[in-house]
Amino acid sequence: MLVLSRKAGEVLFIGKDISVEILSVEGDRVRIGITAPKETRIFRKELMDATIETNKSAINAPDVRLFFAAAAAQQKAPEETAQGEVPGES
């Protein structure tokens, strides 16, 4: 890991097309601005970690198709009516 000290207003470059600017430092919070091509995806680590955990949980979740198949099997077939007759009307 590269560790750098930067002041507000200073910029660092990652490769040829990504720059990171320190916008402000207020207490223990640092605001940064990132300039990168549109196709470059940028994620906060905590959101990436949460997505990974959600995906892991989904892998171990029961198959919802089984739930729908069981529910469909429990439903009764609709009563057949004479042509033109509306069910529930006499």
PDB file of N, CA and C in Angstrom:
ATOM      1  N   MET A   1       0.841  -1.177   0.000  1.00  0.00           N
ATOM      2  CA  MET A   1       0.000   0.000   0.000  1.00  0.00           C
ATOM      3  C   MET A   1       0.888   1.243   0.000  1.00  0.00           C
ATOM      4  N   LEU A   2       0.551   2.141  -0.867  1.00  0.00           N
ATOM      5  CA  LEU A   2       1.247   3.430  -0.914  1.00  0.00           C
ATOM      6  C   LEU A   2       0.534   4.382   0.035  1.00  0.00           C
ATOM      7  N   VAL A   3       1.263   5.028   0.915  1.00  0.00           N
ATOM      8  CA  VAL A   3       0.686   5.979   1.862  1.00  0.00           C
ATOM      9  C   VAL A   3       1.258   7.356   1.536  1.00  0.00           C
ATOM     10  N   LEU A   4       0.362   8.303   1.309  1.00  0.00           N
ATOM     11  CA  LEU A   4       0.771   9.667   0.964  1.00  0.00           C
ATOM     12  C   LEU A   4       0.156  10.657   1.931  1.00  0.00           C
ATOM     13  N   SER A   5       0.816  11.758   2.142  1.00  0.00           N
ATOM     14  CA  SER A   5       0.242  12.877   2.887  1.00  0.00           C
ATOM     15  C   SER A   5      -0.073  13.961   1.871  1.00  0.00           C
ATOM     16  N   ARG A   6      -1.270  14.461   1.890  1.00  0.00           N
ATOM     17  CA  ARG A   6      -1.692  15.504   0.967  1.00  0.00           C
ATOM     18  C   ARG A   6      -2.431  16.585   1.738  1.00  0.00           C
ATOM     19  N   LYS A   7      -2.389  17.789   1.242  1.00  0.00           N
ATOM     20  CA  LYS A   7      -3.125  18.916   1.824  1.00  0.00           C
ATOM     21  C   LYS A   7      -4.322  19.221   0.932  1.00  0.00           C
ATOM     22  N   ALA A   8      -5.277  19.943   1.486  1.00  0.00           N
ATOM     23  CA  ALA A   8      -6.440  20.359   0.704  1.00  0.00           C
ATOM     24  C   ALA A   8      -5.976  21.092  -0.552  1.00  0.00           C
ATOM     25  N   GLY A   9      -6.591  20.739  -1.681  1.00  0.00           N
ATOM     26  CA  GLY A   9      -6.247  21.355  -2.955  1.00  0.00           C
ATOM     27  C   GLY A   9      -5.211  20.577  -3.750  1.00  0.00           C
ATOM     28  N   GLU A  10      -4.536  19.630  -3.128  1.00  0.00           N
ATOM     29  CA  GLU A  10      -3.534  18.844  -3.842  1.00  0.00           C
ATOM     30  C   GLU A  10      -4.194  17.657  -4.546  1.00  0.00           C
ATOM     31  N   VAL A  11      -3.544  17.226  -5.630  1.00  0.00           N
ATOM     32  CA  VAL A  11      -4.102  16.187  -6.500  1.00  0.00           C
ATOM     33  C   VAL A  11      -3.076  15.079  -6.669  1.00  0.00           C
ATOM     34  N   LEU A  12      -3.583  13.843  -6.800  1.00  0.00           N
ATOM     35  CA  LEU A  12      -2.712  12.741  -7.188  1.00  0.00           C
ATOM     36  C   LEU A  12      -3.361  12.028  -8.361  1.00  0.00           C
ATOM     37  N   PHE A  13      -2.538  11.383  -9.157  1.00  0.00           N
ATOM     38  CA  PHE A  13      -3.016  10.698 -10.353  1.00  0.00           C
ATOM     39  C   PHE A  13      -2.835   9.197 -10.203  1.00  0.00           C
ATOM     40  N   ILE A  14      -3.811   8.467 -10.721  1.00  0.00           N
ATOM     41  CA  ILE A  14      -3.735   7.010 -10.794  1.00  0.00           C
ATOM     42  C   ILE A  14      -3.806   6.680 -12.278  1.00  0.00           C
ATOM     43  N   GLY A  15      -2.706   6.216 -12.815  1.00  0.00           N
ATOM     44  CA  GLY A  15      -2.648   5.989 -14.258  1.00  0.00           C
ATOM     45  C   GLY A  15      -2.727   7.308 -15.001  1.00  0.00           C
ATOM     46  N   LYS A  16      -3.186   7.233 -16.252  1.00  0.00           N
ATOM     47  CA  LYS A  16      -3.245   8.429 -17.094  1.00  0.00           C
ATOM     48  C   LYS A  16      -4.567   9.172 -17.001  1.00  0.00           C
ATOM     49  N   ASP A  17      -5.636   8.467 -16.542  1.00  0.00           N
ATOM     50  CA  ASP A  17      -6.957   9.076 -16.672  1.00  0.00           C
ATOM     51  C   ASP A  17      -7.769   9.164 -15.385  1.00  0.00           C
ATOM     52  N   ILE A  18      -7.146   8.942 -14.233  1.00  0.00           N
ATOM     53  CA  ILE A  18      -7.864   9.070 -12.961  1.00  0.00           C
ATOM     54  C   ILE A  18      -7.088  10.030 -12.061  1.00  0.00           C
ATOM     55  N   SER A  19      -7.804  11.021 -11.536  1.00  0.00           N
ATOM     56  CA  SER A  19      -7.172  11.930 -10.579  1.00  0.00           C
ATOM     57  C   SER A  19      -8.026  11.990  -9.320  1.00  0.00           C
ATOM     58  N   VAL A  20      -7.340  12.159  -8.204  1.00  0.00           N
ATOM     59  CA  VAL A  20      -7.995  12.267  -6.907  1.00  0.00           C
ATOM     60  C   VAL A  20      -7.535  13.580  -6.293  1.00  0.00           C
ATOM     61  N   GLU A  21      -8.500  14.445  -5.976  1.00  0.00           N
ATOM     62  CA  GLU A  21      -8.165  15.740  -5.384  1.00  0.00           C
ATOM     63  C   GLU A  21      -8.667  15.783  -3.951  1.00  0.00           C
ATOM     64  N   ILE A  22      -7.829  16.268  -3.052  1.00  0.00           N
ATOM     65  CA  ILE A  22      -8.238  16.476  -1.664  1.00  0.00           C
ATOM     66  C   ILE A  22      -8.987  17.806  -1.642  1.00  0.00           C
ATOM     67  N   LEU A  23     -10.290  17.736  -1.371  1.00  0.00           N
ATOM     68  CA  LEU A  23     -11.104  18.951  -1.394  1.00  0.00           C
ATOM     69  C   LEU A  23     -11.046  19.694  -0.069  1.00  0.00           C
ATOM     70  N   SER A  24     -11.136  18.951   1.028  1.00  0.00           N
ATOM     71  CA  SER A  24     -11.057  19.590   2.344  1.00  0.00           C
ATOM     72  C   SER A  24     -10.731  18.562   3.409  1.00  0.00           C
ATOM     73  N   VAL A  25     -10.188  19.061   4.510  1.00  0.00           N
ATOM     74  CA  VAL A  25      -9.922  18.236   5.679  1.00  0.00           C
ATOM     75  C   VAL A  25     -10.572  18.957   6.845  1.00  0.00           C
ATOM     76  N   GLU A  26     -11.542  18.288   7.476  1.00  0.00           N
ATOM     77  CA  GLU A  26     -12.264  18.882   8.612  1.00  0.00           C
ATOM     78  C   GLU A  26     -12.296  17.866   9.741  1.00  0.00           C
ATOM     79  N   GLY A  27     -11.474  18.065  10.743  1.00  0.00           N
ATOM     80  CA  GLY A  27     -11.402  17.100  11.843  1.00  0.00           C
ATOM     81  C   GLY A  27     -10.881  15.772  11.329  1.00  0.00           C
ATOM     82  N   ASP A  28     -11.678  14.703  11.556  1.00  0.00           N
ATOM     83  CA  ASP A  28     -11.241  13.379  11.107  1.00  0.00           C
ATOM     84  C   ASP A  28     -11.868  12.988   9.769  1.00  0.00           C
ATOM     85  N   ARG A  29     -12.450  13.956   9.075  1.00  0.00           N
ATOM     86  CA  ARG A  29     -13.082  13.684   7.777  1.00  0.00           C
ATOM     87  C   ARG A  29     -12.322  14.371   6.647  1.00  0.00           C
ATOM     88  N   VAL A  30     -12.124  13.621   5.582  1.00  0.00           N
ATOM     89  CA  VAL A  30     -11.444  14.140   4.400  1.00  0.00           C
ATOM     90  C   VAL A  30     -12.411  14.036   3.234  1.00  0.00           C
ATOM     91  N   ARG A  31     -12.656  15.132   2.544  1.00  0.00           N
ATOM     92  CA  ARG A  31     -13.496  15.118   1.349  1.00  0.00           C
ATOM     93  C   ARG A  31     -12.576  15.033   0.140  1.00  0.00           C
ATOM     94  N   ILE A  32     -12.867  14.069  -0.742  1.00  0.00           N
ATOM     95  CA  ILE A  32     -12.058  13.902  -1.942  1.00  0.00           C
ATOM     96  C   ILE A  32     -12.955  14.013  -3.173  1.00  0.00           C
ATOM     97  N   GLY A  33     -12.351  14.407  -4.252  1.00  0.00           N
ATOM     98  CA  GLY A  33     -13.024  14.432  -5.550  1.00  0.00           C
ATOM     99  C   GLY A  33     -12.267  13.517  -6.492  1.00  0.00           C
ATOM    100  N   ILE A  34     -13.008  12.686  -7.208  1.00  0.00           N
ATOM    101  CA  ILE A  34     -12.391  11.727  -8.125  1.00  0.00           C
ATOM    102  C   ILE A  34     -12.838  12.046  -9.545  1.00  0.00           C
ATOM    103  N   THR A  35     -11.883  12.192 -10.441  1.00  0.00           N
ATOM    104  CA  THR A  35     -12.182  12.375 -11.857  1.00  0.00           C
ATOM    105  C   THR A  35     -11.692  11.131 -12.579  1.00  0.00           C
ATOM    106  N   ALA A  36     -12.649  10.457 -13.261  1.00  0.00           N
ATOM    107  CA  ALA A  36     -12.321   9.202 -13.942  1.00  0.00           C
ATOM    108  C   ALA A  36     -13.242   9.042 -15.142  1.00  0.00           C
ATOM    109  N   PRO A  37     -12.859   8.217 -16.100  1.00  0.00           N
ATOM    110  CA  PRO A  37     -13.739   7.957 -17.240  1.00  0.00           C
ATOM    111  C   PRO A  37     -15.068   7.361 -16.768  1.00  0.00           C
ATOM    112  N   LYS A  38     -16.137   7.598 -17.529  1.00  0.00           N
ATOM    113  CA  LYS A  38     -17.463   7.109 -17.156  1.00  0.00           C
ATOM    114  C   LYS A  38     -17.502   5.597 -16.975  1.00  0.00           C
ATOM    115  N   GLU A  39     -16.716   4.875 -17.741  1.00  0.00           N
ATOM    116  CA  GLU A  39     -16.745   3.414 -17.649  1.00  0.00           C
ATOM    117  C   GLU A  39     -16.012   2.882 -16.412  1.00  0.00           C
ATOM    118  N   THR A  40     -15.313   3.751 -15.678  1.00  0.00           N
ATOM    119  CA  THR A  40     -14.629   3.342 -14.453  1.00  0.00           C
ATOM    120  C   THR A  40     -15.639   3.336 -13.315  1.00  0.00           C
ATOM    121  N   ARG A  41     -15.826   2.169 -12.710  1.00  0.00           N
ATOM    122  CA  ARG A  41     -16.775   2.048 -11.612  1.00  0.00           C
ATOM    123  C   ARG A  41     -16.053   2.337 -10.302  1.00  0.00           C
ATOM    124  N   ILE A  42     -16.663   3.170  -9.482  1.00  0.00           N
ATOM    125  CA  ILE A  42     -16.068   3.569  -8.212  1.00  0.00           C
ATOM    126  C   ILE A  42     -17.068   3.226  -7.110  1.00  0.00           C
ATOM    127  N   PHE A  43     -16.628   2.460  -6.115  1.00  0.00           N
ATOM    128  CA  PHE A  43     -17.492   2.024  -5.024  1.00  0.00           C
ATOM    129  C   PHE A  43     -16.849   2.337  -3.689  1.00  0.00           C
ATOM    130  N   ARG A  44     -17.690   2.678  -2.706  1.00  0.00           N
ATOM    131  CA  ARG A  44     -17.207   2.770  -1.327  1.00  0.00           C
ATOM    132  C   ARG A  44     -17.044   1.354  -0.800  1.00  0.00           C
ATOM    133  N   LYS A  45     -15.992   1.118  -0.045  1.00  0.00           N
ATOM    134  CA  LYS A  45     -15.684  -0.231   0.438  1.00  0.00           C
ATOM    135  C   LYS A  45     -16.837  -0.836   1.224  1.00  0.00           C
ATOM    136  N   GLU A  46     -17.476  -0.044   2.106  1.00  0.00           N
ATOM    137  CA  GLU A  46     -18.544  -0.607   2.931  1.00  0.00           C
ATOM    138  C   GLU A  46     -19.735  -1.066   2.082  1.00  0.00           C
ATOM    139  N   LEU A  47     -19.998  -0.398   0.959  1.00  0.00           N
ATOM    140  CA  LEU A  47     -21.072  -0.831   0.072  1.00  0.00           C
ATOM    141  C   LEU A  47     -20.667  -2.084  -0.696  1.00  0.00           C
ATOM    142  N   MET A  48     -19.423  -2.166  -1.088  1.00  0.00           N
ATOM    143  CA  MET A  48     -18.937  -3.358  -1.776  1.00  0.00           C
ATOM    144  C   MET A  48     -18.995  -4.564  -0.837  1.00  0.00           C
ATOM    145  N   ASP A  49     -18.578  -4.377   0.421  1.00  0.00           N
ATOM    146  CA  ASP A  49     -18.642  -5.460   1.403  1.00  0.00           C
ATOM    147  C   ASP A  49     -20.082  -5.922   1.627  1.00  0.00           C
ATOM    148  N   ALA A  50     -21.016  -4.975   1.732  1.00  0.00           N
ATOM    149  CA  ALA A  50     -22.426  -5.318   1.940  1.00  0.00           C
ATOM    150  C   ALA A  50     -22.977  -6.090   0.736  1.00  0.00           C
ATOM    151  N   THR A  51     -22.588  -5.689  -0.471  1.00  0.00           N
ATOM    152  CA  THR A  51     -23.039  -6.382  -1.683  1.00  0.00           C
ATOM    153  C   THR A  51     -22.499  -7.802  -1.721  1.00  0.00           C
ATOM    154  N   ILE A  52     -21.255  -7.976  -1.352  1.00  0.00           N
ATOM    155  CA  ILE A  52     -20.651  -9.313  -1.324  1.00  0.00           C
ATOM    156  C   ILE A  52     -21.396 -10.198  -0.326  1.00  0.00           C
ATOM    157  N   GLU A  53     -21.703  -9.673   0.858  1.00  0.00           N
ATOM    158  CA  GLU A  53     -22.424 -10.456   1.867  1.00  0.00           C
ATOM    159  C   GLU A  53     -23.833 -10.805   1.391  1.00  0.00           C
ATOM    160  N   THR A  54     -24.515  -9.862   0.736  1.00  0.00           N
ATOM    161  CA  THR A  54     -25.849 -10.135   0.201  1.00  0.00           C
ATOM    162  C   THR A  54     -25.797 -11.230  -0.845  1.00  0.00           C
ATOM    163  N   ASN A  55     -24.803 -11.177  -1.709  1.00  0.00           N
ATOM    164  CA  ASN A  55     -24.655 -12.207  -2.740  1.00  0.00           C
ATOM    165  C   ASN A  55     -24.362 -13.568  -2.130  1.00  0.00           C
ATOM    166  N   LYS A  56     -23.534 -13.599  -1.096  1.00  0.00           N
ATOM    167  CA  LYS A  56     -23.249 -14.872  -0.417  1.00  0.00           C
ATOM    168  C   LYS A  56     -24.516 -15.442   0.209  1.00  0.00           C
ATOM    169  N   SER A  57     -25.329 -14.585   0.814  1.00  0.00           N
ATOM    170  CA  SER A  57     -26.584 -15.031   1.425  1.00  0.00           C
ATOM    171  C   SER A  57     -27.536 -15.563   0.364  1.00  0.00           C
ATOM    172  N   ALA A  58     -27.572 -14.913  -0.787  1.00  0.00           N
ATOM    173  CA  ALA A  58     -28.464 -15.341  -1.868  1.00  0.00           C
ATOM    174  C   ALA A  58     -28.080 -16.722  -2.381  1.00  0.00           C
ATOM    175  N   ILE A  59     -26.809 -17.028  -2.386  1.00  0.00           N
ATOM    176  CA  ILE A  59     -26.350 -18.341  -2.847  1.00  0.00           C
ATOM    177  C   ILE A  59     -26.900 -19.432  -1.938  1.00  0.00           C
ATOM    178  N   ASN A  60     -26.974 -19.155  -0.636  1.00  0.00           N
ATOM    179  CA  ASN A  60     -27.431 -20.140   0.338  1.00  0.00           C
ATOM    180  C   ASN A  60     -28.941 -20.089   0.593  1.00  0.00           C
ATOM    181  N   ALA A  61     -29.644 -19.144  -0.020  1.00  0.00           N
ATOM    182  CA  ALA A  61     -31.086 -19.011   0.189  1.00  0.00           C
ATOM    183  C   ALA A  61     -31.825 -20.132  -0.534  1.00  0.00           C
ATOM    184  N   PRO A  62     -33.007 -20.504  -0.008  1.00  0.00           N
ATOM    185  CA  PRO A  62     -33.786 -21.529  -0.708  1.00  0.00           C
ATOM    186  C   PRO A  62     -34.208 -21.037  -2.088  1.00  0.00           C
ATOM    187  N   ASP A  63     -34.370 -21.968  -2.996  1.00  0.00           N
ATOM    188  CA  ASP A  63     -34.762 -21.640  -4.360  1.00  0.00           C
ATOM    189  C   ASP A  63     -36.221 -21.193  -4.364  1.00  0.00           C
ATOM    190  N   VAL A  64     -36.483 -19.927  -4.714  1.00  0.00           N
ATOM    191  CA  VAL A  64     -37.849 -19.402  -4.687  1.00  0.00           C
ATOM    192  C   VAL A  64     -38.754 -20.110  -5.688  1.00  0.00           C
ATOM    193  N   ARG A  65     -38.199 -20.713  -6.717  1.00  0.00           N
ATOM    194  CA  ARG A  65     -39.034 -21.455  -7.665  1.00  0.00           C
ATOM    195  C   ARG A  65     -39.723 -22.611  -6.971  1.00  0.00           C
ATOM    196  N   LEU A  66     -39.060 -23.203  -5.978  1.00  0.00           N
ATOM    197  CA  LEU A  66     -39.676 -24.293  -5.224  1.00  0.00           C
ATOM    198  C   LEU A  66     -40.875 -23.785  -4.438  1.00  0.00           C
ATOM    199  N   PHE A  67     -40.766 -22.585  -3.883  1.00  0.00           N
ATOM    200  CA  PHE A  67     -41.871 -21.975  -3.146  1.00  0.00           C
ATOM    201  C   PHE A  67     -43.073 -21.775  -4.057  1.00  0.00           C
ATOM    202  N   PHE A  68     -42.847 -21.217  -5.244  1.00  0.00           N
ATOM    203  CA  PHE A  68     -43.950 -20.961  -6.166  1.00  0.00           C
ATOM    204  C   PHE A  68     -44.547 -22.254  -6.703  1.00  0.00           C
ATOM    205  N   ALA A  69     -43.720 -23.261  -6.919  1.00  0.00           N
ATOM    206  CA  ALA A  69     -44.235 -24.550  -7.399  1.00  0.00           C
ATOM    207  C   ALA A  69     -45.128 -25.178  -6.337  1.00  0.00           C
ATOM    208  N   ALA A  70     -44.725 -25.107  -5.068  1.00  0.00           N
ATOM    209  CA  ALA A  70     -45.528 -25.671  -3.979  1.00  0.00           C
ATOM    210  C   ALA A  70     -46.836 -24.902  -3.831  1.00  0.00           C
ATOM    211  N   ALA A  71     -46.786 -23.587  -3.938  1.00  0.00           N
ATOM    212  CA  ALA A  71     -47.997 -22.774  -3.822  1.00  0.00           C
ATOM    213  C   ALA A  71     -48.956 -23.072  -4.968  1.00  0.00           C
ATOM    214  N   ALA A  72     -48.438 -23.244  -6.171  1.00  0.00           N
ATOM    215  CA  ALA A  72     -49.286 -23.536  -7.329  1.00  0.00           C
ATOM    216  C   ALA A  72     -49.940 -24.901  -7.184  1.00  0.00           C
ATOM    217  N   ALA A  73     -49.218 -25.858  -6.621  1.00  0.00           N
ATOM    218  CA  ALA A  73     -49.762 -27.206  -6.444  1.00  0.00           C
ATOM    219  C   ALA A  73     -50.884 -27.212  -5.418  1.00  0.00           C
ATOM    220  N   GLN A  74     -50.862 -26.286  -4.468  1.00  0.00           N
ATOM    221  CA  GLN A  74     -51.889 -26.234  -3.434  1.00  0.00           C
ATOM    222  C   GLN A  74     -53.169 -25.561  -3.917  1.00  0.00           C
ATOM    223  N   GLN A  75     -53.086 -24.778  -4.964  1.00  0.00           N
ATOM    224  CA  GLN A  75     -54.270 -24.084  -5.482  1.00  0.00           C
ATOM    225  C   GLN A  75     -55.168 -25.078  -6.203  1.00  0.00           C
ATOM    226  N   LYS A  76     -56.473 -24.881  -6.048  1.00  0.00           N
ATOM    227  CA  LYS A  76     -57.429 -25.730  -6.743  1.00  0.00           C
ATOM    228  C   LYS A  76     -57.608 -25.205  -8.158  1.00  0.00           C
ATOM    229  N   ALA A  77     -57.911 -26.102  -9.063  1.00  0.00           N
ATOM    230  CA  ALA A  77     -58.179 -25.693 -10.433  1.00  0.00           C
ATOM    231  C   ALA A  77     -59.496 -24.920 -10.447  1.00  0.00           C
ATOM    232  N   PRO A  78     -59.622 -23.861 -11.250  1.00  0.00           N
ATOM    233  CA  PRO A  78     -60.871 -23.086 -11.306  1.00  0.00           C
ATOM    234  C   PRO A  78     -62.009 -23.954 -11.842  1.00  0.00           C
ATOM    235  N   GLU A  79     -63.214 -23.693 -11.331  1.00  0.00           N
ATOM    236  CA  GLU A  79     -64.384 -24.443 -11.782  1.00  0.00           C
ATOM    237  C   GLU A  79     -64.689 -24.094 -13.226  1.00  0.00           C
ATOM    238  N   GLU A  80     -65.084 -25.098 -13.971  1.00  0.00           N
ATOM    239  CA  GLU A  80     -65.433 -24.852 -15.362  1.00  0.00           C
ATOM    240  C   GLU A  80     -66.846 -24.307 -15.411  1.00  0.00           C
ATOM    241  N   THR A  81     -67.091 -23.374 -16.297  1.00  0.00           N
ATOM    242  CA  THR A  81     -68.415 -22.775 -16.451  1.00  0.00           C
ATOM    243  C   THR A  81     -68.894 -22.981 -17.867  1.00  0.00           C
ATOM    244  N   ALA A  82     -70.200 -22.858 -18.037  1.00  0.00           N
ATOM    245  CA  ALA A  82     -70.776 -22.957 -19.371  1.00  0.00           C
ATOM    246  C   ALA A  82     -70.330 -21.738 -20.171  1.00  0.00           C
ATOM    247  N   GLN A  83     -70.305 -21.865 -21.464  1.00  0.00           N
ATOM    248  CA  GLN A  83     -69.849 -20.779 -22.321  1.00  0.00           C
ATOM    249  C   GLN A  83     -70.699 -19.534 -22.104  1.00  0.00           C
ATOM    250  N   GLY A  84     -70.064 -18.409 -21.849  1.00  0.00           N
ATOM    251  CA  GLY A  84     -70.769 -17.153 -21.676  1.00  0.00           C
ATOM    252  C   GLY A  84     -71.210 -16.916 -20.239  1.00  0.00           C
ATOM    253  N   GLU A  85     -71.149 -17.907 -19.383  1.00  0.00           N
ATOM    254  CA  GLU A  85     -71.591 -17.752 -17.996  1.00  0.00           C
ATOM    255  C   GLU A  85     -70.481 -17.105 -17.183  1.00  0.00           C
ATOM    256  N   VAL A  86     -70.856 -16.179 -16.299  1.00  0.00           N
ATOM    257  CA  VAL A  86     -69.901 -15.496 -15.444  1.00  0.00           C
ATOM    258  C   VAL A  86     -69.912 -16.191 -14.088  1.00  0.00           C
ATOM    259  N   PRO A  87     -68.791 -16.677 -13.591  1.00  0.00           N
ATOM    260  CA  PRO A  87     -68.766 -17.346 -12.287  1.00  0.00           C
ATOM    261  C   PRO A  87     -69.280 -16.433 -11.182  1.00  0.00           C
ATOM    262  N   GLY A  88     -70.082 -16.992 -10.285  1.00  0.00           N
ATOM    263  CA  GLY A  88     -70.587 -16.211  -9.154  1.00  0.00           C
ATOM    264  C   GLY A  88     -71.899 -15.504  -9.434  1.00  0.00           C
ATOM    265  N   GLU A  89     -72.363 -15.485 -10.686  1.00  0.00           N
ATOM    266  CA  GLU A  89     -73.628 -14.840 -11.032  1.00  0.00           C
ATOM    267  C   GLU A  89     -74.648 -15.910 -11.375  1.00  0.00           C
ATOM    268  N   SER A  90     -75.900 -15.720 -10.956  1.00  0.00           N
ATOM    269  CA  SER A  90     -76.943 -16.682 -11.262  1.00  0.00           C
ATOM    270  C   SER A  90     -77.992 -16.097 -12.165  1.00  0.00           C
TER     271      SER A  90
END
